[in-house]
Amino acid sequence: MLRYTLMRLGIFVGCLVVVWGLVHSGLAPRGLGDSNGLWIVLLALVISAPISLVVLRKQRDQASERIVQRVNRAKAGLEANRAQEDAADETARTRAQEQTS
């Protein structure tokens, strides 16, 4: 997951540098008034999102598989604990019934 995040951040930073270069060279429009920095960041976000979607598909799928595996392990652990508690509860009920009989 960290690898995917770092790769996505790298794509954003690359887009940020390219957009900054285009804006300061005059090839892309500048923001209004003092909003130039915000304009550059927003434009870099808009450009980097679809690039990340296409380029990092494999890494995103691998990360989601790892997350699903962790969730399934946690569910299995919870189910095992629940079954253990049910067995202990059933044993206690059986002993209580035997003592009252």
PDB file of N, CA and C in Angstrom:
ATOM      1  N   MET A   1       0.824  -1.190   0.000  1.00  0.00           N
ATOM      2  CA  MET A   1       0.000   0.000   0.000  1.00  0.00           C
ATOM      3  C   MET A   1       0.873   1.260   0.000  1.00  0.00           C
ATOM      4  N   LEU A   2       1.970   1.203   0.753  1.00  0.00           N
ATOM      5  CA  LEU A   2       2.880   2.349   0.803  1.00  0.00           C
ATOM      6  C   LEU A   2       3.501   2.589  -0.573  1.00  0.00           C
ATOM      7  N   ARG A   3       3.824   1.509  -1.255  1.00  0.00           N
ATOM      8  CA  ARG A   3       4.416   1.639  -2.591  1.00  0.00           C
ATOM      9  C   ARG A   3       3.453   2.337  -3.544  1.00  0.00           C
ATOM     10  N   TYR A   4       2.194   1.940  -3.531  1.00  0.00           N
ATOM     11  CA  TYR A   4       1.177   2.558  -4.388  1.00  0.00           C
ATOM     12  C   TYR A   4       1.042   4.044  -4.060  1.00  0.00           C
ATOM     13  N   THR A   5       1.002   4.361  -2.772  1.00  0.00           N
ATOM     14  CA  THR A   5       0.847   5.752  -2.349  1.00  0.00           C
ATOM     15  C   THR A   5       2.041   6.593  -2.804  1.00  0.00           C
ATOM     16  N   LEU A   6       3.241   6.049  -2.654  1.00  0.00           N
ATOM     17  CA  LEU A   6       4.429   6.786  -3.076  1.00  0.00           C
ATOM     18  C   LEU A   6       4.471   6.965  -4.599  1.00  0.00           C
ATOM     19  N   MET A   7       4.040   5.951  -5.332  1.00  0.00           N
ATOM     20  CA  MET A   7       4.010   6.066  -6.789  1.00  0.00           C
ATOM     21  C   MET A   7       2.983   7.115  -7.221  1.00  0.00           C
ATOM     22  N   ARG A   8       1.852   7.131  -6.541  1.00  0.00           N
ATOM     23  CA  ARG A   8       0.816   8.119  -6.863  1.00  0.00           C
ATOM     24  C   ARG A   8       1.303   9.529  -6.541  1.00  0.00           C
ATOM     25  N   LEU A   9       1.983   9.664  -5.405  1.00  0.00           N
ATOM     26  CA  LEU A   9       2.554  10.955  -5.037  1.00  0.00           C
ATOM     27  C   LEU A   9       3.605  11.388  -6.065  1.00  0.00           C
ATOM     28  N   GLY A  10       4.393  10.444  -6.538  1.00  0.00           N
ATOM     29  CA  GLY A  10       5.395  10.757  -7.555  1.00  0.00           C
ATOM     30  C   GLY A  10       4.771  11.261  -8.844  1.00  0.00           C
ATOM     31  N   ILE A  11       3.683  10.642  -9.254  1.00  0.00           N
ATOM     32  CA  ILE A  11       2.984  11.100 -10.465  1.00  0.00           C
ATOM     33  C   ILE A  11       2.446  12.506 -10.258  1.00  0.00           C
ATOM     34  N   PHE A  12       1.879  12.769  -9.074  1.00  0.00           N
ATOM     35  CA  PHE A  12       1.362  14.108  -8.789  1.00  0.00           C
ATOM     36  C   PHE A  12       2.481  15.138  -8.812  1.00  0.00           C
ATOM     37  N   VAL A  13       3.606  14.832  -8.176  1.00  0.00           N
ATOM     38  CA  VAL A  13       4.728  15.786  -8.143  1.00  0.00           C
ATOM     39  C   VAL A  13       5.244  16.026  -9.562  1.00  0.00           C
ATOM     40  N   GLY A  14       5.320  14.978 -10.357  1.00  0.00           N
ATOM     41  CA  GLY A  14       5.742  15.152 -11.752  1.00  0.00           C
ATOM     42  C   GLY A  14       4.797  16.075 -12.509  1.00  0.00           C
ATOM     43  N   CYS A  15       3.502  15.855 -12.326  1.00  0.00           N
ATOM     44  CA  CYS A  15       2.514  16.719 -12.982  1.00  0.00           C
ATOM     45  C   CYS A  15       2.610  18.149 -12.456  1.00  0.00           C
ATOM     46  N   LEU A  16       2.857  18.283 -11.167  1.00  0.00           N
ATOM     47  CA  LEU A  16       2.985  19.610 -10.561  1.00  0.00           C
ATOM     48  C   LEU A  16       4.154  20.372 -11.183  1.00  0.00           C
ATOM     49  N   VAL A  17       5.280  19.699 -11.364  1.00  0.00           N
ATOM     50  CA  VAL A  17       6.450  20.346 -11.965  1.00  0.00           C
ATOM     51  C   VAL A  17       6.157  20.737 -13.412  1.00  0.00           C
ATOM     52  N   VAL A  18       5.518  19.837 -14.153  1.00  0.00           N
ATOM     53  CA  VAL A  18       5.204  20.132 -15.559  1.00  0.00           C
ATOM     54  C   VAL A  18       4.227  21.299 -15.655  1.00  0.00           C
ATOM     55  N   VAL A  19       3.170  21.289 -14.848  1.00  0.00           N
ATOM     56  CA  VAL A  19       2.185  22.374 -14.889  1.00  0.00           C
ATOM     57  C   VAL A  19       2.835  23.689 -14.469  1.00  0.00           C
ATOM     58  N   TRP A  20       3.663  23.643 -13.430  1.00  0.00           N
ATOM     59  CA  TRP A  20       4.353  24.857 -12.991  1.00  0.00           C
ATOM     60  C   TRP A  20       5.195  25.427 -14.139  1.00  0.00           C
ATOM     61  N   GLY A  21       5.915  24.534 -14.823  1.00  0.00           N
ATOM     62  CA  GLY A  21       6.732  24.980 -15.953  1.00  0.00           C
ATOM     63  C   GLY A  21       5.892  25.579 -17.068  1.00  0.00           C
ATOM     64  N   LEU A  22       4.761  24.943 -17.365  1.00  0.00           N
ATOM     65  CA  LEU A  22       3.886  25.454 -18.423  1.00  0.00           C
ATOM     66  C   LEU A  22       3.277  26.796 -18.053  1.00  0.00           C
ATOM     67  N   VAL A  23       2.875  26.956 -16.801  1.00  0.00           N
ATOM     68  CA  VAL A  23       2.263  28.221 -16.371  1.00  0.00           C
ATOM     69  C   VAL A  23       3.301  29.343 -16.369  1.00  0.00           C
ATOM     70  N   HIS A  24       4.479  29.059 -15.854  1.00  0.00           N
ATOM     71  CA  HIS A  24       5.487  30.118 -15.779  1.00  0.00           C
ATOM     72  C   HIS A  24       6.139  30.424 -17.123  1.00  0.00           C
ATOM     73  N   SER A  25       6.032  29.514 -18.072  1.00  0.00           N
ATOM     74  CA  SER A  25       6.544  29.820 -19.414  1.00  0.00           C
ATOM     75  C   SER A  25       5.480  30.500 -20.270  1.00  0.00           C
ATOM     76  N   GLY A  26       4.241  30.539 -19.776  1.00  0.00           N
ATOM     77  CA  GLY A  26       3.173  31.218 -20.500  1.00  0.00           C
ATOM     78  C   GLY A  26       2.384  30.304 -21.419  1.00  0.00           C
ATOM     79  N   LEU A  27       2.688  29.025 -21.454  1.00  0.00           N
ATOM     80  CA  LEU A  27       1.962  28.098 -22.322  1.00  0.00           C
ATOM     81  C   LEU A  27       0.608  27.689 -21.738  1.00  0.00           C
ATOM     82  N   ALA A  28       0.459  27.793 -20.433  1.00  0.00           N
ATOM     83  CA  ALA A  28      -0.817  27.508 -19.772  1.00  0.00           C
ATOM     84  C   ALA A  28      -1.260  28.790 -19.064  1.00  0.00           C
ATOM     85  N   PRO A  29      -2.564  29.008 -18.952  1.00  0.00           N
ATOM     86  CA  PRO A  29      -3.030  30.265 -18.343  1.00  0.00           C
ATOM     87  C   PRO A  29      -2.678  30.361 -16.861  1.00  0.00           C
ATOM     88  N   ARG A  30      -2.412  31.582 -16.420  1.00  0.00           N
ATOM     89  CA  ARG A  30      -2.157  31.829 -15.004  1.00  0.00           C
ATOM     90  C   ARG A  30      -3.495  31.934 -14.282  1.00  0.00           C
ATOM     91  N   GLY A  31      -3.473  31.727 -12.966  1.00  0.00           N
ATOM     92  CA  GLY A  31      -4.691  31.892 -12.176  1.00  0.00           C
ATOM     93  C   GLY A  31      -5.060  33.358 -12.067  1.00  0.00           C
ATOM     94  N   LEU A  32      -6.194  33.620 -11.468  1.00  0.00           N
ATOM     95  CA  LEU A  32      -6.640  34.996 -11.282  1.00  0.00           C
ATOM     96  C   LEU A  32      -6.009  35.583 -10.036  1.00  0.00           C
ATOM     97  N   GLY A  33      -5.377  36.709 -10.168  1.00  0.00           N
ATOM     98  CA  GLY A  33      -4.796  37.409  -9.022  1.00  0.00           C
ATOM     99  C   GLY A  33      -3.772  36.573  -8.281  1.00  0.00           C
ATOM    100  N   ASP A  34      -4.023  36.377  -6.974  1.00  0.00           N
ATOM    101  CA  ASP A  34      -3.085  35.633  -6.123  1.00  0.00           C
ATOM    102  C   ASP A  34      -3.346  34.132  -6.124  1.00  0.00           C
ATOM    103  N   SER A  35      -4.232  33.647  -6.958  1.00  0.00           N
ATOM    104  CA  SER A  35      -4.597  32.227  -6.944  1.00  0.00           C
ATOM    105  C   SER A  35      -3.690  31.367  -7.818  1.00  0.00           C
ATOM    106  N   ASN A  36      -2.588  31.879  -8.262  1.00  0.00           N
ATOM    107  CA  ASN A  36      -1.703  31.159  -9.176  1.00  0.00           C
ATOM    108  C   ASN A  36      -1.235  29.824  -8.583  1.00  0.00           C
ATOM    109  N   GLY A  37      -0.804  29.817  -7.316  1.00  0.00           N
ATOM    110  CA  GLY A  37      -0.341  28.581  -6.677  1.00  0.00           C
ATOM    111  C   GLY A  37      -1.447  27.553  -6.573  1.00  0.00           C
ATOM    112  N   LEU A  38      -2.615  27.993  -6.177  1.00  0.00           N
ATOM    113  CA  LEU A  38      -3.769  27.089  -6.069  1.00  0.00           C
ATOM    114  C   LEU A  38      -4.151  26.544  -7.445  1.00  0.00           C
ATOM    115  N   TRP A  39      -4.098  27.398  -8.454  1.00  0.00           N
ATOM    116  CA  TRP A  39      -4.413  26.979  -9.821  1.00  0.00           C
ATOM    117  C   TRP A  39      -3.457  25.882 -10.284  1.00  0.00           C
ATOM    118  N   ILE A  40      -2.186  26.038  -9.985  1.00  0.00           N
ATOM    119  CA  ILE A  40      -1.186  25.049 -10.396  1.00  0.00           C
ATOM    120  C   ILE A  40      -1.435  23.716  -9.696  1.00  0.00           C
ATOM    121  N   VAL A  41      -1.712  23.749  -8.400  1.00  0.00           N
ATOM    122  CA  VAL A  41      -1.968  22.517  -7.638  1.00  0.00           C
ATOM    123  C   VAL A  41      -3.233  21.820  -8.137  1.00  0.00           C
ATOM    124  N   LEU A  42      -4.304  22.587  -8.341  1.00  0.00           N
ATOM    125  CA  LEU A  42      -5.557  21.984  -8.815  1.00  0.00           C
ATOM    126  C   LEU A  42      -5.404  21.392 -10.208  1.00  0.00           C
ATOM    127  N   LEU A  43      -4.723  22.084 -11.074  1.00  0.00           N
ATOM    128  CA  LEU A  43      -4.510  21.574 -12.430  1.00  0.00           C
ATOM    129  C   LEU A  43      -3.662  20.302 -12.400  1.00  0.00           C
ATOM    130  N   ALA A  44      -2.648  20.284 -11.535  1.00  0.00           N
ATOM    131  CA  ALA A  44      -1.815  19.083 -11.404  1.00  0.00           C
ATOM    132  C   ALA A  44      -2.638  17.913 -10.866  1.00  0.00           C
ATOM    133  N   LEU A  45      -3.541  18.179  -9.912  1.00  0.00           N
ATOM    134  CA  LEU A  45      -4.416  17.110  -9.400  1.00  0.00           C
ATOM    135  C   LEU A  45      -5.323  16.550 -10.487  1.00  0.00           C
ATOM    136  N   VAL A  46      -5.905  17.448 -11.269  1.00  0.00           N
ATOM    137  CA  VAL A  46      -6.826  17.016 -12.332  1.00  0.00           C
ATOM    138  C   VAL A  46      -6.088  16.204 -13.394  1.00  0.00           C
ATOM    139  N   ILE A  47      -4.869  16.556 -13.688  1.00  0.00           N
ATOM    140  CA  ILE A  47      -4.097  15.828 -14.702  1.00  0.00           C
ATOM    141  C   ILE A  47      -3.568  14.508 -14.147  1.00  0.00           C
ATOM    142  N   SER A  48      -3.102  14.499 -12.887  1.00  0.00           N
ATOM    143  CA  SER A  48      -2.475  13.297 -12.334  1.00  0.00           C
ATOM    144  C   SER A  48      -3.483  12.198 -11.995  1.00  0.00           C
ATOM    145  N   ALA A  49      -4.731  12.551 -11.716  1.00  0.00           N
ATOM    146  CA  ALA A  49      -5.726  11.537 -11.340  1.00  0.00           C
ATOM    147  C   ALA A  49      -5.957  10.506 -12.448  1.00  0.00           C
ATOM    148  N   PRO A  50      -6.285  10.913 -13.684  1.00  0.00           N
ATOM    149  CA  PRO A  50      -6.483   9.884 -14.718  1.00  0.00           C
ATOM    150  C   PRO A  50      -5.191   9.152 -15.089  1.00  0.00           C
ATOM    151  N   ILE A  51      -4.056   9.836 -14.996  1.00  0.00           N
ATOM    152  CA  ILE A  51      -2.787   9.159 -15.280  1.00  0.00           C
ATOM    153  C   ILE A  51      -2.569   8.046 -14.257  1.00  0.00           C
ATOM    154  N   SER A  52      -2.785   8.353 -12.978  1.00  0.00           N
ATOM    155  CA  SER A  52      -2.633   7.347 -11.918  1.00  0.00           C
ATOM    156  C   SER A  52      -3.617   6.195 -12.117  1.00  0.00           C
ATOM    157  N   LEU A  53      -4.820   6.532 -12.527  1.00  0.00           N
ATOM    158  CA  LEU A  53      -5.843   5.508 -12.727  1.00  0.00           C
ATOM    159  C   LEU A  53      -5.394   4.482 -13.764  1.00  0.00           C
ATOM    160  N   VAL A  54      -4.791   4.940 -14.831  1.00  0.00           N
ATOM    161  CA  VAL A  54      -4.371   4.052 -15.908  1.00  0.00           C
ATOM    162  C   VAL A  54      -3.022   3.387 -15.602  1.00  0.00           C
ATOM    163  N   VAL A  55      -2.050   4.181 -15.198  1.00  0.00           N
ATOM    164  CA  VAL A  55      -0.682   3.687 -15.033  1.00  0.00           C
ATOM    165  C   VAL A  55      -0.545   2.763 -13.831  1.00  0.00           C
ATOM    166  N   LEU A  56      -1.256   3.043 -12.753  1.00  0.00           N
ATOM    167  CA  LEU A  56      -1.084   2.283 -11.508  1.00  0.00           C
ATOM    168  C   LEU A  56      -2.167   1.223 -11.289  1.00  0.00           C
ATOM    169  N   ARG A  57      -2.824   0.798 -12.348  1.00  0.00           N
ATOM    170  CA  ARG A  57      -3.897  -0.201 -12.221  1.00  0.00           C
ATOM    171  C   ARG A  57      -3.398  -1.489 -11.577  1.00  0.00           C
ATOM    172  N   LYS A  58      -2.261  -1.981 -12.010  1.00  0.00           N
ATOM    173  CA  LYS A  58      -1.712  -3.238 -11.480  1.00  0.00           C
ATOM    174  C   LYS A  58      -1.392  -3.112  -9.984  1.00  0.00           C
ATOM    175  N   GLN A  59      -0.744  -2.015  -9.603  1.00  0.00           N
ATOM    176  CA  GLN A  59      -0.387  -1.820  -8.202  1.00  0.00           C
ATOM    177  C   GLN A  59      -1.637  -1.636  -7.336  1.00  0.00           C
ATOM    178  N   ARG A  60      -2.652  -0.959  -7.869  1.00  0.00           N
ATOM    179  CA  ARG A  60      -3.898  -0.759  -7.134  1.00  0.00           C
ATOM    180  C   ARG A  60      -4.614  -2.090  -6.921  1.00  0.00           C
ATOM    181  N   ASP A  61      -4.613  -2.938  -7.929  1.00  0.00           N
ATOM    182  CA  ASP A  61      -5.238  -4.259  -7.793  1.00  0.00           C
ATOM    183  C   ASP A  61      -4.502  -5.112  -6.763  1.00  0.00           C
ATOM    184  N   GLN A  62      -3.178  -5.052  -6.777  1.00  0.00           N
ATOM    185  CA  GLN A  62      -2.394  -5.810  -5.794  1.00  0.00           C
ATOM    186  C   GLN A  62      -2.663  -5.303  -4.380  1.00  0.00           C
ATOM    187  N   ALA A  63      -2.730  -4.002  -4.216  1.00  0.00           N
ATOM    188  CA  ALA A  63      -2.995  -3.429  -2.894  1.00  0.00           C
ATOM    189  C   ALA A  63      -4.382  -3.824  -2.401  1.00  0.00           C
ATOM    190  N   SER A  64      -5.366  -3.812  -3.287  1.00  0.00           N
ATOM    191  CA  SER A  64      -6.722  -4.178  -2.865  1.00  0.00           C
ATOM    192  C   SER A  64      -6.801  -5.664  -2.522  1.00  0.00           C
ATOM    193  N   GLU A  65      -6.042  -6.502  -3.230  1.00  0.00           N
ATOM    194  CA  GLU A  65      -6.011  -7.931  -2.886  1.00  0.00           C
ATOM    195  C   GLU A  65      -5.438  -8.141  -1.488  1.00  0.00           C
ATOM    196  N   ARG A  66      -4.368  -7.392  -1.170  1.00  0.00           N
ATOM    197  CA  ARG A  66      -3.793  -7.504   0.179  1.00  0.00           C
ATOM    198  C   ARG A  66      -4.770  -7.048   1.249  1.00  0.00           C
ATOM    199  N   ILE A  67      -5.515  -6.005   0.960  1.00  0.00           N
ATOM    200  CA  ILE A  67      -6.507  -5.517   1.924  1.00  0.00           C
ATOM    201  C   ILE A  67      -7.603  -6.551   2.116  1.00  0.00           C
ATOM    202  N   VAL A  68      -8.068  -7.155   1.024  1.00  0.00           N
ATOM    203  CA  VAL A  68      -9.110  -8.182   1.119  1.00  0.00           C
ATOM    204  C   VAL A  68      -8.604  -9.372   1.930  1.00  0.00           C
ATOM    205  N   GLN A  69      -7.358  -9.772   1.716  1.00  0.00           N
ATOM    206  CA  GLN A  69      -6.789 -10.882   2.486  1.00  0.00           C
ATOM    207  C   GLN A  69      -6.750 -10.559   3.970  1.00  0.00           C
ATOM    208  N   ARG A  70      -6.350  -9.339   4.321  1.00  0.00           N
ATOM    209  CA  ARG A  70      -6.312  -8.943   5.739  1.00  0.00           C
ATOM    210  C   ARG A  70      -7.704  -8.939   6.348  1.00  0.00           C
ATOM    211  N   VAL A  71      -8.673  -8.446   5.605  1.00  0.00           N
ATOM    212  CA  VAL A  71     -10.054  -8.423   6.105  1.00  0.00           C
ATOM    213  C   VAL A  71     -10.570  -9.842   6.299  1.00  0.00           C
ATOM    214  N   ASN A  72     -10.278 -10.731   5.349  1.00  0.00           N
ATOM    215  CA  ASN A  72     -10.725 -12.120   5.472  1.00  0.00           C
ATOM    216  C   ASN A  72     -10.072 -12.813   6.669  1.00  0.00           C
ATOM    217  N   ARG A  73      -8.786 -12.538   6.910  1.00  0.00           N
ATOM    218  CA  ARG A  73      -8.116 -13.107   8.093  1.00  0.00           C
ATOM    219  C   ARG A  73      -8.748 -12.581   9.370  1.00  0.00           C
ATOM    220  N   ALA A  74      -9.067 -11.306   9.404  1.00  0.00           N
ATOM    221  CA  ALA A  74      -9.696 -10.731  10.595  1.00  0.00           C
ATOM    222  C   ALA A  74     -11.080 -11.335  10.816  1.00  0.00           C
ATOM    223  N   LYS A  75     -11.842 -11.514   9.729  1.00  0.00           N
ATOM    224  CA  LYS A  75     -13.166 -12.139   9.844  1.00  0.00           C
ATOM    225  C   LYS A  75     -13.042 -13.569  10.347  1.00  0.00           C
ATOM    226  N   ALA A  76     -12.067 -14.316   9.835  1.00  0.00           N
ATOM    227  CA  ALA A  76     -11.875 -15.699  10.271  1.00  0.00           C
ATOM    228  C   ALA A  76     -11.503 -15.744  11.746  1.00  0.00           C
ATOM    229  N   GLY A  77     -10.662 -14.820  12.183  1.00  0.00           N
ATOM    230  CA  GLY A  77     -10.300 -14.763  13.595  1.00  0.00           C
ATOM    231  C   GLY A  77     -11.490 -14.443  14.474  1.00  0.00           C
ATOM    232  N   LEU A  78     -12.317 -13.509  14.040  1.00  0.00           N
ATOM    233  CA  LEU A  78     -13.521 -13.174  14.800  1.00  0.00           C
ATOM    234  C   LEU A  78     -14.490 -14.350  14.855  1.00  0.00           C
ATOM    235  N   GLU A  79     -14.626 -15.051  13.744  1.00  0.00           N
ATOM    236  CA  GLU A  79     -15.511 -16.210  13.706  1.00  0.00           C
ATOM    237  C   GLU A  79     -14.993 -17.317  14.616  1.00  0.00           C
ATOM    238  N   ALA A  80     -13.680 -17.530  14.639  1.00  0.00           N
ATOM    239  CA  ALA A  80     -13.099 -18.536  15.529  1.00  0.00           C
ATOM    240  C   ALA A  80     -13.339 -18.165  16.985  1.00  0.00           C
ATOM    241  N   ASN A  81     -13.176 -16.896  17.326  1.00  0.00           N
ATOM    242  CA  ASN A  81     -13.452 -16.446  18.692  1.00  0.00           C
ATOM    243  C   ASN A  81     -14.922 -16.626  19.040  1.00  0.00           C
ATOM    244  N   ARG A  82     -15.786 -16.302  18.109  1.00  0.00           N
ATOM    245  CA  ARG A  82     -17.225 -16.439  18.336  1.00  0.00           C
ATOM    246  C   ARG A  82     -17.585 -17.912  18.560  1.00  0.00           C
ATOM    247  N   ALA A  83     -17.008 -18.797  17.751  1.00  0.00           N
ATOM    248  CA  ALA A  83     -17.281 -20.227  17.903  1.00  0.00           C
ATOM    249  C   ALA A  83     -16.755 -20.732  19.241  1.00  0.00           C
ATOM    250  N   GLN A  84     -15.613 -20.241  19.650  1.00  0.00           N
ATOM    251  CA  GLN A  84     -15.031 -20.637  20.932  1.00  0.00           C
ATOM    252  C   GLN A  84     -15.920 -20.159  22.088  1.00  0.00           C
ATOM    253  N   GLU A  85     -16.418 -18.943  21.983  1.00  0.00           N
ATOM    254  CA  GLU A  85     -17.313 -18.427  23.015  1.00  0.00           C
ATOM    255  C   GLU A  85     -18.615 -19.217  23.057  1.00  0.00           C
ATOM    256  N   ASP A  86     -19.145 -19.555  21.881  1.00  0.00           N
ATOM    257  CA  ASP A  86     -20.385 -20.345  21.838  1.00  0.00           C
ATOM    258  C   ASP A  86     -20.177 -21.714  22.479  1.00  0.00           C
ATOM    259  N   ALA A  87     -19.041 -22.329  22.214  1.00  0.00           N
ATOM    260  CA  ALA A  87     -18.759 -23.644  22.794  1.00  0.00           C
ATOM    261  C   ALA A  87     -18.623 -23.543  24.311  1.00  0.00           C
ATOM    262  N   ALA A  88     -17.946 -22.502  24.780  1.00  0.00           N
ATOM    263  CA  ALA A  88     -17.793 -22.315  26.223  1.00  0.00           C
ATOM    264  C   ALA A  88     -19.145 -22.050  26.878  1.00  0.00           C
ATOM    265  N   ASP A  89     -19.985 -21.272  26.214  1.00  0.00           N
ATOM    266  CA  ASP A  89     -21.314 -20.977  26.745  1.00  0.00           C
ATOM    267  C   ASP A  89     -22.170 -22.240  26.807  1.00  0.00           C
ATOM    268  N   GLU A  90     -22.093 -23.043  25.756  1.00  0.00           N
ATOM    269  CA  GLU A  90     -22.867 -24.291  25.723  1.00  0.00           C
ATOM    270  C   GLU A  90     -22.394 -25.242  26.822  1.00  0.00           C
ATOM    271  N   THR A  91     -21.095 -25.318  27.033  1.00  0.00           N
ATOM    272  CA  THR A  91     -20.548 -26.171  28.093  1.00  0.00           C
ATOM    273  C   THR A  91     -21.036 -25.701  29.459  1.00  0.00           C
ATOM    274  N   ALA A  92     -21.030 -24.411  29.683  1.00  0.00           N
ATOM    275  CA  ALA A  92     -21.480 -23.865  30.967  1.00  0.00           C
ATOM    276  C   ALA A  92     -22.963 -24.154  31.177  1.00  0.00           C
ATOM    277  N   ARG A  93     -23.775 -24.036  30.136  1.00  0.00           N
ATOM    278  CA  ARG A  93     -25.214 -24.326  30.265  1.00  0.00           C
ATOM    279  C   ARG A  93     -25.444 -25.802  30.584  1.00  0.00           C
ATOM    280  N   THR A  94     -24.686 -26.656  29.893  1.00  0.00           N
ATOM    281  CA  THR A  94     -24.836 -28.095  30.136  1.00  0.00           C
ATOM    282  C   THR A  94     -24.470 -28.428  31.568  1.00  0.00           C
ATOM    283  N   ARG A  95     -23.401 -27.882  32.084  1.00  0.00           N
ATOM    284  CA  ARG A  95     -22.991 -28.140  33.470  1.00  0.00           C
ATOM    285  C   ARG A  95     -24.010 -27.607  34.450  1.00  0.00           C
ATOM    286  N   ALA A  96     -24.565 -26.432  34.139  1.00  0.00           N
ATOM    287  CA  ALA A  96     -25.572 -25.860  35.031  1.00  0.00           C
ATOM    288  C   ALA A  96     -26.822 -26.735  35.062  1.00  0.00           C
ATOM    289  N   GLN A  97     -27.213 -27.267  33.923  1.00  0.00           N
ATOM    290  CA  GLN A  97     -28.392 -28.144  33.880  1.00  0.00           C
ATOM    291  C   GLN A  97     -28.132 -29.442  34.605  1.00  0.00           C
ATOM    292  N   GLU A  98     -26.921 -29.979  34.493  1.00  0.00           N
ATOM    293  CA  GLU A  98     -26.579 -31.225  35.189  1.00  0.00           C
ATOM    294  C   GLU A  98     -26.573 -31.045  36.694  1.00  0.00           C
ATOM    295  N   GLN A  99     -26.151 -29.888  37.164  1.00  0.00           N
ATOM    296  CA  GLN A  99     -26.095 -29.632  38.602  1.00  0.00           C
ATOM    297  C   GLN A  99     -27.493 -29.427  39.175  1.00  0.00           C
ATOM    298  N   THR A 100     -28.414 -28.869  38.395  1.00  0.00           N
ATOM    299  CA  THR A 100     -29.777 -28.647  38.894  1.00  0.00           C
ATOM    300  C   THR A 100     -30.606 -29.922  38.790  1.00  0.00           C
ATOM    301  N   SER A 101     -30.185 -30.883  38.032  1.00  0.00           N
ATOM    302  CA  SER A 101     -30.965 -32.114  37.863  1.00  0.00           C
ATOM    303  C   SER A 101     -30.683 -33.127  38.928  1.00  0.00           C
TER     304      SER A 101
END
